[in-house]
Structure formats: C-alpha cells, structure tokens
Amino acid sequence: MDISSEIKIIRQKAFMTQEAFAKELKVAFSTVNRWESGKTYPNISAMKQIKIFCDNNNISFDELQSAWLSKTKEKK
C-alpha cells in the first residue's frame, strides 16, 4: 500500500478524525489531510510521532514504515 492509505488506516483504527489525529501528533489538520490525500508525506520527525502513537495504541506501524522507506529511497 501507499503512505496515504496507511496513515488513513492507522487513524481509522484509532477511531479518530483527521483533526483529532493531527492534534495528537502535534501537527496541523491540513498536514494530516495532505498526507492522506497523497499531496505530501511525513518527514522523519512526524514519522517518529506516528510511531509513538501506534505503540501507545497497539496499532501496527510496519506497513507505514515500509511504504515510507520505499518512498524515501525513490527520492534519492
């Protein structure tokens, strides 16, 4: 899957709106919206926040991590 889909799945598994998810990650609502629409993707700092969120909520981070690593390798 792609990064945008994986972020949306994580958020939905936590039964959160984009706004609530953004607040939890300490980013703007528009940031989460852009991630989920595929316009941008999280930087390393945001990925760390998402990892912490997943760990705290017993949600798998593996698929998002794989998608993110693949995307960052493409950029090089």
Protein backbone atom coordinates (compact mmCIF):
# COMPACT_ATOMS: atom_id res chain seq x y z
CA MET A 1 0.00 0.00 0.00
CA ASP A 2 0.99 3.62 -0.20
CA ILE A 3 1.78 6.07 2.57
CA SER A 4 -1.51 7.96 2.33
CA SER A 5 -3.59 4.79 2.69
CA GLU A 6 -1.51 3.52 5.60
CA ILE A 7 -1.86 6.79 7.52
CA LYS A 8 -5.61 6.76 6.99
CA ILE A 9 -5.82 3.14 8.20
CA ILE A 10 -3.86 3.98 11.36
CA ARG A 11 -6.12 6.95 12.07
CA GLN A 12 -9.28 4.95 11.45
CA LYS A 13 -8.11 2.06 13.66
CA ALA A 14 -7.92 4.61 16.47
CA PHE A 15 -11.45 5.87 15.59
CA MET A 16 -10.17 9.42 15.19
CA THR A 17 -10.99 12.30 12.89
CA GLN A 18 -8.20 13.94 10.93
CA GLU A 19 -8.42 16.88 13.31
CA ALA A 20 -8.09 14.73 16.45
CA PHE A 21 -5.26 12.72 14.91
CA ALA A 22 -3.43 15.93 13.96
CA LYS A 23 -3.79 17.27 17.50
CA GLU A 24 -2.43 14.01 18.90
CA LEU A 25 0.60 14.20 16.60
CA LYS A 26 1.06 17.94 17.23
CA VAL A 27 0.69 18.85 13.55
CA ALA A 28 -1.88 20.94 11.70
CA PHE A 29 -5.12 19.37 10.48
CA SER A 30 -4.14 20.38 6.95
CA THR A 31 -0.92 18.37 7.32
CA VAL A 32 -2.82 15.15 8.02
CA ASN A 33 -5.20 15.99 5.19
CA ARG A 34 -2.30 16.42 2.74
CA TRP A 35 -0.73 13.13 3.91
CA GLU A 36 -3.97 11.23 3.41
CA SER A 37 -4.62 12.79 0.00
CA GLY A 38 -1.09 11.90 -1.13
CA LYS A 39 -0.01 15.50 -1.71
CA THR A 40 2.84 15.20 0.80
CA TYR A 41 4.19 12.61 3.15
CA PRO A 42 5.53 12.75 6.72
CA ASN A 43 9.07 13.83 7.45
CA ILE A 44 11.25 11.85 9.88
CA SER A 45 10.03 13.85 12.88
CA ALA A 46 6.38 13.18 12.04
CA MET A 47 7.15 9.51 11.46
CA LYS A 48 8.58 9.31 14.97
CA GLN A 49 5.38 10.85 16.35
CA ILE A 50 3.24 8.40 14.38
CA LYS A 51 5.39 5.50 15.66
CA ILE A 52 4.87 6.63 19.25
CA PHE A 53 1.13 6.99 18.59
CA CYS A 54 0.98 3.47 17.13
CA ASP A 55 2.94 2.00 20.03
CA ASN A 56 0.70 3.69 22.58
CA ASN A 57 -2.45 2.46 20.82
CA ASN A 58 -1.31 -1.07 19.88
CA ILE A 59 -1.55 -0.33 16.16
CA SER A 60 0.94 -1.84 13.73
CA PHE A 61 3.43 0.66 12.31
CA ASP A 62 5.18 -1.82 10.00
CA GLU A 63 3.23 -1.22 6.77
CA LEU A 64 3.57 2.56 7.01
CA GLN A 65 7.25 2.26 7.80
CA SER A 66 7.83 0.04 4.75
CA ALA A 67 5.89 2.39 2.47
CA TRP A 68 7.74 5.43 3.85
CA LEU A 69 11.15 3.81 3.46
CA SER A 70 10.35 2.85 -0.13
CA LYS A 71 9.25 6.41 -0.90
CA THR A 72 12.36 7.99 0.62
CA LYS A 73 14.59 5.62 -1.37
CA GLU A 74 12.78 6.69 -4.58
CA LYS A 75 13.64 10.34 -3.91
CA LYS A 76 17.40 9.71 -3.90
